[in-house]
Amino acid sequence: MEFDQQQPMKAIFLKVSSVVIFVCMSTLIKAAGKDIPTGQITFYRSAFAMLPIMAYLAFRGELIHSFRTKDVTGHLARGFVGILAMSFGFYGLIHLPLPEAIAIGYAMPLIAVMIAALFLKETVGLYRWSAVLIGLIGVTIITWPRLTLLDAGGIGTAEALGAAAVLVSATLGAVAMVLVRKLIQTEKTPTIVLYFSLSASVFSLATLPLGWADLDSRALLLLALAGFCGGVAQILLTASYRYADVSTIAPFEYTSIVLGLGFGYVLFGDVPTLAMLVGTLIVICAGIFIIVREHRLGLRRKAARRHMTPHG
């Protein structure tokens, strides 16, 4: 990745800002209510996200060029997988305490390592496999109290399904990450962002015949604001990678759990359990280890290329 210039503090500020707004987006969706179909939620999330995204691209003079693509099929596949990931994630979000939904979602980069190793044939060493295993143990600690409520009935079953849905969402999100890594070989970032919102809106609109809820003005406003926040957060996140590399920025994703704990307690009365706190700490440590390890391996590869003697 080429940077405009190395400005790590600016990159971190943009990343943390995106995290804050993404958590606000999740909070708005959760506040809208449990009785809204996830397909309807994903439509508002995707459609209203296009407003700030298109305005931003128009401001940069990139809107027309962003519609040009060499891989329509790739964008559709990424959009379909992405909309499924969002749907499962939103189901879990509205049936789980906010901090737990966020924490279980941290499984996505761990699963992405496994998918990259199995399907992209990327080399994953013992250290990263160990970190993935430890991280998944942390996820199990977080989810186990919910999953063991399957036999309890009532809200216990809903929470268990919510935890399972977030895990499915994390897995699909990891697949989407792999699809994006393929797209960036031929597509520009604005094109990927724009086509995801477009395809996600169309795919989620297809759920209308399945039955959407009649929204009151409050729920409509909350979902519209959630979508707008999602678009703004995506812009900030994309912009953050213009000023620093991934290994510098990625660890700040975990600030979302602090915000989730605060918002969950103040707005929804969610009190974190000991299992949730312990499991989250394990997952965060495993994730940061993978990020640091990947950064060091990247530096070694660059050093090896610099010292490589050409043959011929």
C-alpha atoms as a PDB file:
ATOM      1  CA  MET A   1       0.000   0.000   0.000  1.00  0.00           C
ATOM      2  CA  GLU A   2       1.204   3.472  -0.872  1.00  0.00           C
ATOM      3  CA  PHE A   3       0.633   6.257   1.622  1.00  0.00           C
ATOM      4  CA  ASP A   4       0.083   9.962   1.041  1.00  0.00           C
ATOM      5  CA  GLN A   5       2.682  10.380   3.767  1.00  0.00           C
ATOM      6  CA  GLN A   6       3.453   8.625   7.020  1.00  0.00           C
ATOM      7  CA  GLN A   7       1.324  10.319   9.688  1.00  0.00           C
ATOM      8  CA  PRO A   8       0.634   7.634  12.305  1.00  0.00           C
ATOM      9  CA  MET A   9      -1.108   9.934  14.780  1.00  0.00           C
ATOM     10  CA  LYS A  10      -3.511  11.134  12.125  1.00  0.00           C
ATOM     11  CA  ALA A  11      -4.125   7.537  11.055  1.00  0.00           C
ATOM     12  CA  ILE A  12      -4.833   6.466  14.629  1.00  0.00           C
ATOM     13  CA  PHE A  13      -7.202   9.397  15.139  1.00  0.00           C
ATOM     14  CA  LEU A  14      -9.143   8.456  11.996  1.00  0.00           C
ATOM     15  CA  LYS A  15      -9.240   4.784  13.006  1.00  0.00           C
ATOM     16  CA  VAL A  16     -10.489   5.494  16.544  1.00  0.00           C
ATOM     17  CA  SER A  17     -13.050   7.925  15.134  1.00  0.00           C
ATOM     18  CA  SER A  18     -14.330   5.207  12.818  1.00  0.00           C
ATOM     19  CA  VAL A  19     -14.554   2.767  15.737  1.00  0.00           C
ATOM     20  CA  VAL A  20     -16.545   5.277  17.806  1.00  0.00           C
ATOM     21  CA  ILE A  21     -19.021   5.849  14.973  1.00  0.00           C
ATOM     22  CA  PHE A  22     -19.337   2.129  14.206  1.00  0.00           C
ATOM     23  CA  VAL A  23     -20.231   1.514  17.868  1.00  0.00           C
ATOM     24  CA  CYS A  24     -22.766   4.356  17.642  1.00  0.00           C
ATOM     25  CA  MET A  25     -24.190   2.623  14.565  1.00  0.00           C
ATOM     26  CA  SER A  26     -24.558  -0.657  16.484  1.00  0.00           C
ATOM     27  CA  THR A  27     -26.139   1.181  19.406  1.00  0.00           C
ATOM     28  CA  LEU A  28     -28.711   2.840  17.126  1.00  0.00           C
ATOM     29  CA  ILE A  29     -29.624  -0.500  15.554  1.00  0.00           C
ATOM     30  CA  LYS A  30     -30.002  -2.140  18.959  1.00  0.00           C
ATOM     31  CA  ALA A  31     -32.125   0.787  20.176  1.00  0.00           C
ATOM     32  CA  ALA A  32     -34.444   0.487  17.156  1.00  0.00           C
ATOM     33  CA  GLY A  33     -35.909  -2.714  18.615  1.00  0.00           C
ATOM     34  CA  LYS A  34     -35.892  -6.505  18.372  1.00  0.00           C
ATOM     35  CA  ASP A  35     -38.920  -6.899  16.115  1.00  0.00           C
ATOM     36  CA  ILE A  36     -37.332  -5.538  12.922  1.00  0.00           C
ATOM     37  CA  PRO A  37     -36.279  -8.204  10.367  1.00  0.00           C
ATOM     38  CA  THR A  38     -32.533  -8.301   9.781  1.00  0.00           C
ATOM     39  CA  GLY A  39     -33.035  -7.938   6.026  1.00  0.00           C
ATOM     40  CA  GLN A  40     -34.792  -4.639   6.647  1.00  0.00           C
ATOM     41  CA  ILE A  41     -32.015  -3.495   8.989  1.00  0.00           C
ATOM     42  CA  THR A  42     -29.316  -4.323   6.451  1.00  0.00           C
ATOM     43  CA  PHE A  43     -31.194  -2.393   3.767  1.00  0.00           C
ATOM     44  CA  TYR A  44     -31.266   0.793   5.810  1.00  0.00           C
ATOM     45  CA  ARG A  45     -27.661   0.226   6.901  1.00  0.00           C
ATOM     46  CA  SER A  46     -26.509  -0.130   3.285  1.00  0.00           C
ATOM     47  CA  ALA A  47     -28.769   2.350   1.497  1.00  0.00           C
ATOM     48  CA  PHE A  48     -28.261   5.279   3.857  1.00  0.00           C
ATOM     49  CA  ALA A  49     -24.519   4.570   4.002  1.00  0.00           C
ATOM     50  CA  MET A  50     -24.366   5.476   0.318  1.00  0.00           C
ATOM     51  CA  LEU A  51     -25.263   9.108   1.049  1.00  0.00           C
ATOM     52  CA  PRO A  52     -22.006  10.090   2.813  1.00  0.00           C
ATOM     53  CA  ILE A  53     -19.940   7.704   0.658  1.00  0.00           C
ATOM     54  CA  MET A  54     -21.158   9.192  -2.625  1.00  0.00           C
ATOM     55  CA  ALA A  55     -20.861  12.737  -1.268  1.00  0.00           C
ATOM     56  CA  TYR A  56     -17.277  12.027  -0.193  1.00  0.00           C
ATOM     57  CA  LEU A  57     -16.324  10.528  -3.548  1.00  0.00           C
ATOM     58  CA  ALA A  58     -17.954  13.448  -5.391  1.00  0.00           C
ATOM     59  CA  PHE A  59     -15.994  15.896  -3.224  1.00  0.00           C
ATOM     60  CA  ARG A  60     -12.756  14.116  -4.163  1.00  0.00           C
ATOM     61  CA  GLY A  61     -13.747  14.032  -7.825  1.00  0.00           C
ATOM     62  CA  GLU A  62     -13.739  10.209  -7.802  1.00  0.00           C
ATOM     63  CA  LEU A  63     -17.453   9.385  -8.023  1.00  0.00           C
ATOM     64  CA  ILE A  64     -17.712   8.722 -11.773  1.00  0.00           C
ATOM     65  CA  HIS A  65     -14.443   6.780 -11.874  1.00  0.00           C
ATOM     66  CA  SER A  66     -15.535   4.692  -8.880  1.00  0.00           C
ATOM     67  CA  PHE A  67     -18.353   3.131 -10.918  1.00  0.00           C
ATOM     68  CA  ARG A  68     -15.849   1.685 -13.374  1.00  0.00           C
ATOM     69  CA  THR A  69     -14.991  -1.899 -12.546  1.00  0.00           C
ATOM     70  CA  LYS A  70     -13.223  -4.868 -14.116  1.00  0.00           C
ATOM     71  CA  ASP A  71     -14.806  -7.471 -11.835  1.00  0.00           C
ATOM     72  CA  VAL A  72     -18.575  -7.175 -11.447  1.00  0.00           C
ATOM     73  CA  THR A  73     -18.829 -10.831 -10.405  1.00  0.00           C
ATOM     74  CA  GLY A  74     -16.263 -10.312  -7.653  1.00  0.00           C
ATOM     75  CA  HIS A  75     -18.189  -7.327  -6.293  1.00  0.00           C
ATOM     76  CA  LEU A  76     -21.459  -9.273  -6.325  1.00  0.00           C
ATOM     77  CA  ALA A  77     -19.864 -12.185  -4.473  1.00  0.00           C
ATOM     78  CA  ARG A  78     -18.348  -9.849  -1.897  1.00  0.00           C
ATOM     79  CA  GLY A  79     -21.684  -8.056  -1.531  1.00  0.00           C
ATOM     80  CA  PHE A  80     -23.676 -11.266  -1.092  1.00  0.00           C
ATOM     81  CA  VAL A  81     -21.297 -12.675   1.537  1.00  0.00           C
ATOM     82  CA  GLY A  82     -21.094  -9.277   3.223  1.00  0.00           C
ATOM     83  CA  ILE A  83     -24.860  -8.887   3.458  1.00  0.00           C
ATOM     84  CA  LEU A  84     -25.163 -12.352   4.989  1.00  0.00           C
ATOM     85  CA  ALA A  85     -22.468 -11.444   7.513  1.00  0.00           C
ATOM     86  CA  MET A  86     -24.304  -8.233   8.423  1.00  0.00           C
ATOM     87  CA  SER A  87     -27.639 -10.033   8.726  1.00  0.00           C
ATOM     88  CA  PHE A  88     -26.310 -12.626  11.152  1.00  0.00           C
ATOM     89  CA  GLY A  89     -24.358  -9.946  13.013  1.00  0.00           C
ATOM     90  CA  PHE A  90     -27.421  -7.733  13.428  1.00  0.00           C
ATOM     91  CA  TYR A  91     -29.483 -10.670  14.660  1.00  0.00           C
ATOM     92  CA  GLY A  92     -26.868 -11.329  17.321  1.00  0.00           C
ATOM     93  CA  LEU A  93     -26.615  -7.646  18.130  1.00  0.00           C
ATOM     94  CA  ILE A  94     -30.292  -7.253  18.963  1.00  0.00           C
ATOM     95  CA  HIS A  95     -30.396 -10.463  21.054  1.00  0.00           C
ATOM     96  CA  LEU A  96     -27.156 -10.077  23.005  1.00  0.00           C
ATOM     97  CA  PRO A  97     -25.727  -7.450  25.331  1.00  0.00           C
ATOM     98  CA  LEU A  98     -23.802  -4.920  23.217  1.00  0.00           C
ATOM     99  CA  PRO A  99     -20.332  -5.676  24.698  1.00  0.00           C
ATOM    100  CA  GLU A 100     -20.698  -9.413  24.110  1.00  0.00           C
ATOM    101  CA  ALA A 101     -21.788  -8.957  20.505  1.00  0.00           C
ATOM    102  CA  ILE A 102     -18.713  -6.786  19.927  1.00  0.00           C
ATOM    103  CA  ALA A 103     -16.370  -9.185  21.723  1.00  0.00           C
ATOM    104  CA  ILE A 104     -17.544 -12.294  19.846  1.00  0.00           C
ATOM    105  CA  GLY A 105     -17.096 -10.375  16.600  1.00  0.00           C
ATOM    106  CA  TYR A 106     -13.380 -10.194  17.390  1.00  0.00           C
ATOM    107  CA  ALA A 107     -13.204 -13.808  16.194  1.00  0.00           C
ATOM    108  CA  MET A 108     -13.271 -12.584  12.579  1.00  0.00           C
ATOM    109  CA  PRO A 109      -9.522 -11.888  12.109  1.00  0.00           C
ATOM    110  CA  LEU A 110      -8.710 -15.185  13.824  1.00  0.00           C
ATOM    111  CA  ILE A 111     -10.974 -17.077  11.412  1.00  0.00           C
ATOM    112  CA  ALA A 112      -9.515 -15.074   8.508  1.00  0.00           C
ATOM    113  CA  VAL A 113      -6.085 -16.537   9.291  1.00  0.00           C
ATOM    114  CA  MET A 114      -7.493 -20.061   9.024  1.00  0.00           C
ATOM    115  CA  ILE A 115      -9.325 -19.319   5.771  1.00  0.00           C
ATOM    116  CA  ALA A 116      -6.228 -17.718   4.255  1.00  0.00           C
ATOM    117  CA  ALA A 117      -4.177 -20.787   5.161  1.00  0.00           C
ATOM    118  CA  LEU A 118      -6.728 -23.302   3.883  1.00  0.00           C
ATOM    119  CA  PHE A 119      -7.986 -21.633   0.707  1.00  0.00           C
ATOM    120  CA  LEU A 120      -5.318 -19.091  -0.270  1.00  0.00           C
ATOM    121  CA  LYS A 121      -2.490 -21.435   0.692  1.00  0.00           C
ATOM    122  CA  GLU A 122      -0.825 -18.694   2.737  1.00  0.00           C
ATOM    123  CA  THR A 123       1.953 -19.874   5.013  1.00  0.00           C
ATOM    124  CA  VAL A 124       0.883 -19.698   8.652  1.00  0.00           C
ATOM    125  CA  GLY A 125       3.513 -20.642  11.196  1.00  0.00           C
ATOM    126  CA  LEU A 126       3.245 -22.245  14.611  1.00  0.00           C
ATOM    127  CA  TYR A 127       3.120 -18.913  16.458  1.00  0.00           C
ATOM    128  CA  ARG A 128       0.089 -17.630  14.561  1.00  0.00           C
ATOM    129  CA  TRP A 129      -1.703 -20.978  14.701  1.00  0.00           C
ATOM    130  CA  SER A 130      -1.137 -20.957  18.457  1.00  0.00           C
ATOM    131  CA  ALA A 131      -2.527 -17.420  18.696  1.00  0.00           C
ATOM    132  CA  VAL A 132      -5.589 -18.438  16.678  1.00  0.00           C
ATOM    133  CA  LEU A 133      -6.211 -21.423  18.960  1.00  0.00           C
ATOM    134  CA  ILE A 134      -5.840 -19.315  22.106  1.00  0.00           C
ATOM    135  CA  GLY A 135      -8.121 -16.637  20.633  1.00  0.00           C
ATOM    136  CA  LEU A 136     -10.804 -19.181  19.826  1.00  0.00           C
ATOM    137  CA  ILE A 137     -10.583 -20.466  23.396  1.00  0.00           C
ATOM    138  CA  GLY A 138     -11.301 -16.902  24.480  1.00  0.00           C
ATOM    139  CA  VAL A 139     -14.318 -16.779  22.161  1.00  0.00           C
ATOM    140  CA  THR A 140     -15.539 -20.064  23.656  1.00  0.00           C
ATOM    141  CA  ILE A 141     -15.260 -18.596  27.171  1.00  0.00           C
ATOM    142  CA  ILE A 142     -17.382 -15.619  26.093  1.00  0.00           C
ATOM    143  CA  THR A 143     -20.049 -17.660  24.329  1.00  0.00           C
ATOM    144  CA  TRP A 144     -20.261 -20.720  26.572  1.00  0.00           C
ATOM    145  CA  PRO A 145     -22.584 -19.196  29.219  1.00  0.00           C
ATOM    146  CA  ARG A 146     -24.974 -18.236  26.412  1.00  0.00           C
ATOM    147  CA  LEU A 147     -24.774 -21.527  24.511  1.00  0.00           C
ATOM    148  CA  THR A 148     -25.404 -23.570  27.652  1.00  0.00           C
ATOM    149  CA  LEU A 149     -28.737 -21.780  28.040  1.00  0.00           C
ATOM    150  CA  LEU A 150     -30.134 -23.650  25.033  1.00  0.00           C
ATOM    151  CA  ASP A 151     -32.089 -25.946  27.328  1.00  0.00           C
ATOM    152  CA  ALA A 152     -33.372 -23.124  29.511  1.00  0.00           C
ATOM    153  CA  GLY A 153     -36.000 -21.856  27.049  1.00  0.00           C
ATOM    154  CA  GLY A 154     -37.264 -18.301  26.712  1.00  0.00           C
ATOM    155  CA  ILE A 155     -34.661 -15.571  26.544  1.00  0.00           C
ATOM    156  CA  GLY A 156     -31.901 -18.095  27.043  1.00  0.00           C
ATOM    157  CA  THR A 157     -32.603 -19.663  23.665  1.00  0.00           C
ATOM    158  CA  ALA A 158     -32.672 -16.247  21.964  1.00  0.00           C
ATOM    159  CA  GLU A 159     -29.333 -15.320  23.512  1.00  0.00           C
ATOM    160  CA  ALA A 160     -27.795 -18.646  22.515  1.00  0.00           C
ATOM    161  CA  LEU A 161     -28.960 -18.187  18.934  1.00  0.00           C
ATOM    162  CA  GLY A 162     -27.646 -14.632  19.077  1.00  0.00           C
ATOM    163  CA  ALA A 163     -24.192 -15.819  20.137  1.00  0.00           C
ATOM    164  CA  ALA A 164     -24.184 -18.462  17.398  1.00  0.00           C
ATOM    165  CA  ALA A 165     -25.304 -15.844  14.853  1.00  0.00           C
ATOM    166  CA  VAL A 166     -22.401 -13.535  15.711  1.00  0.00           C
ATOM    167  CA  LEU A 167     -19.983 -16.452  15.273  1.00  0.00           C
ATOM    168  CA  VAL A 168     -21.488 -17.191  11.859  1.00  0.00           C
ATOM    169  CA  SER A 169     -21.236 -13.490  11.060  1.00  0.00           C
ATOM    170  CA  ALA A 170     -17.552 -13.485  12.039  1.00  0.00           C
ATOM    171  CA  THR A 171     -16.915 -16.480   9.781  1.00  0.00           C
ATOM    172  CA  LEU A 172     -18.693 -14.894   6.824  1.00  0.00           C
ATOM    173  CA  GLY A 173     -16.900 -11.626   7.550  1.00  0.00           C
ATOM    174  CA  ALA A 174     -13.595 -13.472   7.325  1.00  0.00           C
ATOM    175  CA  VAL A 175     -14.645 -14.890   3.942  1.00  0.00           C
ATOM    176  CA  ALA A 176     -15.547 -11.362   2.839  1.00  0.00           C
ATOM    177  CA  MET A 177     -12.065 -10.202   3.883  1.00  0.00           C
ATOM    178  CA  VAL A 178     -10.550 -12.859   1.613  1.00  0.00           C
ATOM    179  CA  LEU A 179     -12.785 -11.745  -1.271  1.00  0.00           C
ATOM    180  CA  VAL A 180     -11.726  -8.129  -0.744  1.00  0.00           C
ATOM    181  CA  ARG A 181      -8.068  -9.177  -0.816  1.00  0.00           C
ATOM    182  CA  LYS A 182      -8.721 -10.639  -4.256  1.00  0.00           C
ATOM    183  CA  LEU A 183     -10.601  -7.550  -5.417  1.00  0.00           C
ATOM    184  CA  ILE A 184      -7.830  -5.124  -4.464  1.00  0.00           C
ATOM    185  CA  GLN A 185      -5.577  -6.792  -7.026  1.00  0.00           C
ATOM    186  CA  THR A 186      -7.579  -5.127  -9.811  1.00  0.00           C
ATOM    187  CA  GLU A 187      -9.993  -2.681  -8.147  1.00  0.00           C
ATOM    188  CA  LYS A 188      -9.552   0.655  -6.399  1.00  0.00           C
ATOM    189  CA  THR A 189     -10.674   1.083  -2.791  1.00  0.00           C
ATOM    190  CA  PRO A 190     -13.476   3.618  -3.596  1.00  0.00           C
ATOM    191  CA  THR A 191     -14.881   1.179  -6.163  1.00  0.00           C
ATOM    192  CA  ILE A 192     -14.938  -1.661  -3.637  1.00  0.00           C
ATOM    193  CA  VAL A 193     -16.624   0.502  -0.995  1.00  0.00           C
ATOM    194  CA  LEU A 194     -19.217   1.891  -3.414  1.00  0.00           C
ATOM    195  CA  TYR A 195     -20.143  -1.423  -5.009  1.00  0.00           C
ATOM    196  CA  PHE A 196     -20.502  -3.088  -1.625  1.00  0.00           C
ATOM    197  CA  SER A 197     -23.099  -0.543  -0.524  1.00  0.00           C
ATOM    198  CA  LEU A 198     -24.886  -0.850  -3.881  1.00  0.00           C
ATOM    199  CA  SER A 199     -24.954  -4.647  -3.971  1.00  0.00           C
ATOM    200  CA  ALA A 200     -25.802  -4.929  -0.269  1.00  0.00           C
ATOM    201  CA  SER A 201     -28.776  -2.582  -0.746  1.00  0.00           C
ATOM    202  CA  VAL A 202     -30.090  -4.633  -3.674  1.00  0.00           C
ATOM    203  CA  PHE A 203     -29.604  -8.006  -1.953  1.00  0.00           C
ATOM    204  CA  SER A 204     -31.258  -6.828   1.266  1.00  0.00           C
ATOM    205  CA  LEU A 205     -34.143  -5.245  -0.665  1.00  0.00           C
ATOM    206  CA  ALA A 206     -34.858  -8.719  -2.040  1.00  0.00           C
ATOM    207  CA  THR A 207     -36.009  -9.734   1.457  1.00  0.00           C
ATOM    208  CA  LEU A 208     -39.012  -7.355   1.223  1.00  0.00           C
ATOM    209  CA  PRO A 209     -41.430 -10.135   0.092  1.00  0.00           C
ATOM    210  CA  LEU A 210     -40.517 -12.073   3.244  1.00  0.00           C
ATOM    211  CA  GLY A 211     -42.180  -9.377   5.312  1.00  0.00           C
ATOM    212  CA  TRP A 212     -40.814  -6.131   6.676  1.00  0.00           C
ATOM    213  CA  ALA A 213     -42.022  -4.394   9.819  1.00  0.00           C
ATOM    214  CA  ASP A 214     -44.096  -1.232   9.751  1.00  0.00           C
ATOM    215  CA  LEU A 215     -41.655   1.233  11.275  1.00  0.00           C
ATOM    216  CA  ASP A 216     -42.742   4.136  13.400  1.00  0.00           C
ATOM    217  CA  SER A 217     -40.945   7.447  12.975  1.00  0.00           C
ATOM    218  CA  ARG A 218     -38.556   6.699  15.857  1.00  0.00           C
ATOM    219  CA  ALA A 219     -37.369   3.346  14.465  1.00  0.00           C
ATOM    220  CA  LEU A 220     -37.105   4.787  10.959  1.00  0.00           C
ATOM    221  CA  LEU A 221     -34.954   7.664  12.188  1.00  0.00           C
ATOM    222  CA  LEU A 222     -32.712   5.351  14.222  1.00  0.00           C
ATOM    223  CA  LEU A 223     -32.104   2.998  11.290  1.00  0.00           C
ATOM    224  CA  ALA A 224     -31.491   5.864   8.870  1.00  0.00           C
ATOM    225  CA  LEU A 225     -28.978   7.401  11.281  1.00  0.00           C
ATOM    226  CA  ALA A 226     -27.349   3.987  11.735  1.00  0.00           C
ATOM    227  CA  GLY A 227     -26.866   3.655   8.001  1.00  0.00           C
ATOM    228  CA  PHE A 228     -25.486   7.185   7.687  1.00  0.00           C
ATOM    229  CA  CYS A 229     -23.088   6.504  10.584  1.00  0.00           C
ATOM    230  CA  GLY A 230     -21.959   3.297   8.870  1.00  0.00           C
ATOM    231  CA  GLY A 231     -21.082   5.236   5.725  1.00  0.00           C
ATOM    232  CA  VAL A 232     -19.175   7.929   7.619  1.00  0.00           C
ATOM    233  CA  ALA A 233     -17.296   5.306   9.641  1.00  0.00           C
ATOM    234  CA  GLN A 234     -16.327   3.453   6.462  1.00  0.00           C
ATOM    235  CA  ILE A 235     -14.928   6.664   4.973  1.00  0.00           C
ATOM    236  CA  LEU A 236     -12.873   7.370   8.104  1.00  0.00           C
ATOM    237  CA  LEU A 237     -11.627   3.781   8.224  1.00  0.00           C
ATOM    238  CA  THR A 238     -10.581   3.844   4.572  1.00  0.00           C
ATOM    239  CA  ALA A 239      -8.891   7.212   5.024  1.00  0.00           C
ATOM    240  CA  SER A 240      -6.910   5.960   8.032  1.00  0.00           C
ATOM    241  CA  TYR A 241      -5.018   3.473   5.842  1.00  0.00           C
ATOM    242  CA  ARG A 242      -3.740   6.327   3.679  1.00  0.00           C
ATOM    243  CA  TYR A 243      -1.468   7.529   6.479  1.00  0.00           C
ATOM    244  CA  ALA A 244      -0.073   4.372   8.125  1.00  0.00           C
ATOM    245  CA  ASP A 245       0.170   0.634   7.596  1.00  0.00           C
ATOM    246  CA  VAL A 246      -2.309  -1.924   8.875  1.00  0.00           C
ATOM    247  CA  SER A 247      -0.147  -3.121  11.766  1.00  0.00           C
ATOM    248  CA  THR A 248      -0.074   0.407  13.208  1.00  0.00           C
ATOM    249  CA  ILE A 249      -3.809   0.957  12.984  1.00  0.00           C
ATOM    250  CA  ALA A 250      -5.417  -2.453  13.507  1.00  0.00           C
ATOM    251  CA  PRO A 251      -4.895  -2.792  17.308  1.00  0.00           C
ATOM    252  CA  PHE A 252      -7.060   0.271  17.888  1.00  0.00           C
ATOM    253  CA  GLU A 253     -10.068  -1.750  16.714  1.00  0.00           C
ATOM    254  CA  TYR A 254     -10.159  -3.119  20.249  1.00  0.00           C
ATOM    255  CA  THR A 255     -11.105   0.287  21.682  1.00  0.00           C
ATOM    256  CA  SER A 256     -14.630  -0.655  20.589  1.00  0.00           C
ATOM    257  CA  ILE A 257     -15.025  -2.962  23.584  1.00  0.00           C
ATOM    258  CA  VAL A 258     -14.474  -0.059  25.993  1.00  0.00           C
ATOM    259  CA  LEU A 259     -17.150   1.956  24.210  1.00  0.00           C
ATOM    260  CA  GLY A 260     -19.417  -1.084  24.042  1.00  0.00           C
ATOM    261  CA  LEU A 261     -19.128  -1.621  27.788  1.00  0.00           C
ATOM    262  CA  GLY A 262     -19.968   2.028  28.462  1.00  0.00           C
ATOM    263  CA  PHE A 263     -22.859   2.317  26.006  1.00  0.00           C
ATOM    264  CA  GLY A 264     -24.243  -1.092  26.988  1.00  0.00           C
ATOM    265  CA  TYR A 265     -24.287  -0.244  30.696  1.00  0.00           C
ATOM    266  CA  VAL A 266     -25.638   3.308  30.392  1.00  0.00           C
ATOM    267  CA  LEU A 267     -28.229   2.761  27.652  1.00  0.00           C
ATOM    268  CA  PHE A 268     -29.297  -0.878  28.038  1.00  0.00           C
ATOM    269  CA  GLY A 269     -28.275  -1.818  31.568  1.00  0.00           C
ATOM    270  CA  ASP A 270     -25.860  -4.496  30.307  1.00  0.00           C
ATOM    271  CA  VAL A 271     -23.522  -5.598  33.108  1.00  0.00           C
ATOM    272  CA  PRO A 272     -20.478  -7.558  31.834  1.00  0.00           C
ATOM    273  CA  THR A 273     -19.915 -11.003  33.282  1.00  0.00           C
ATOM    274  CA  LEU A 274     -16.525 -12.277  34.457  1.00  0.00           C
ATOM    275  CA  ALA A 275     -16.498 -14.848  31.641  1.00  0.00           C
ATOM    276  CA  MET A 276     -17.093 -12.090  29.097  1.00  0.00           C
ATOM    277  CA  LEU A 277     -14.245  -9.935  30.463  1.00  0.00           C
ATOM    278  CA  VAL A 278     -11.758 -12.815  30.709  1.00  0.00           C
ATOM    279  CA  GLY A 279     -12.629 -14.178  27.275  1.00  0.00           C
ATOM    280  CA  THR A 280     -12.429 -10.741  25.687  1.00  0.00           C
ATOM    281  CA  LEU A 281      -8.974 -10.137  27.180  1.00  0.00           C
ATOM    282  CA  ILE A 282      -7.747 -13.454  25.753  1.00  0.00           C
ATOM    283  CA  VAL A 283      -9.162 -12.708  22.294  1.00  0.00           C
ATOM    284  CA  ILE A 284      -7.649  -9.208  22.248  1.00  0.00           C
ATOM    285  CA  CYS A 285      -4.207 -10.495  23.262  1.00  0.00           C
ATOM    286  CA  ALA A 286      -4.345 -13.186  20.573  1.00  0.00           C
ATOM    287  CA  GLY A 287      -5.439 -10.670  17.943  1.00  0.00           C
ATOM    288  CA  ILE A 288      -2.707  -8.196  18.815  1.00  0.00           C
ATOM    289  CA  PHE A 289      -0.117 -10.997  18.749  1.00  0.00           C
ATOM    290  CA  ILE A 290      -1.197 -11.941  15.213  1.00  0.00           C
ATOM    291  CA  ILE A 291      -0.991  -8.295  14.107  1.00  0.00           C
ATOM    292  CA  VAL A 292       2.487  -7.844  15.602  1.00  0.00           C
ATOM    293  CA  ARG A 293       3.669 -11.162  14.177  1.00  0.00           C
ATOM    294  CA  GLU A 294       2.381 -10.278  10.709  1.00  0.00           C
ATOM    295  CA  HIS A 295       4.138  -6.903  10.921  1.00  0.00           C
ATOM    296  CA  ARG A 296       7.457  -8.514  11.811  1.00  0.00           C
ATOM    297  CA  LEU A 297       7.140 -11.063   9.018  1.00  0.00           C
ATOM    298  CA  GLY A 298       6.383  -8.232   6.616  1.00  0.00           C
ATOM    299  CA  LEU A 299       9.527  -6.403   7.674  1.00  0.00           C
ATOM    300  CA  ARG A 300      11.570  -9.562   7.177  1.00  0.00           C
ATOM    301  CA  ARG A 301      10.167 -10.071   3.681  1.00  0.00           C
ATOM    302  CA  LYS A 302      11.002  -6.491   2.747  1.00  0.00           C
ATOM    303  CA  ALA A 303      14.522  -6.864   4.115  1.00  0.00           C
ATOM    304  CA  ALA A 304      14.982 -10.099   2.172  1.00  0.00           C
ATOM    305  CA  ARG A 305      13.887  -8.433  -1.067  1.00  0.00           C
ATOM    306  CA  ARG A 306      16.284  -5.531  -0.514  1.00  0.00           C
ATOM    307  CA  HIS A 307      19.229  -7.867  -0.022  1.00  0.00           C
ATOM    308  CA  MET A 308      18.322 -10.273  -2.822  1.00  0.00           C
ATOM    309  CA  THR A 309      21.034 -10.504  -5.460  1.00  0.00           C
ATOM    310  CA  PRO A 310      19.669 -10.647  -9.027  1.00  0.00           C
ATOM    311  CA  HIS A 311      20.690 -13.645 -11.115  1.00  0.00           C
ATOM    312  CA  GLY A 312      21.345 -13.816 -14.826  1.00  0.00           C
END
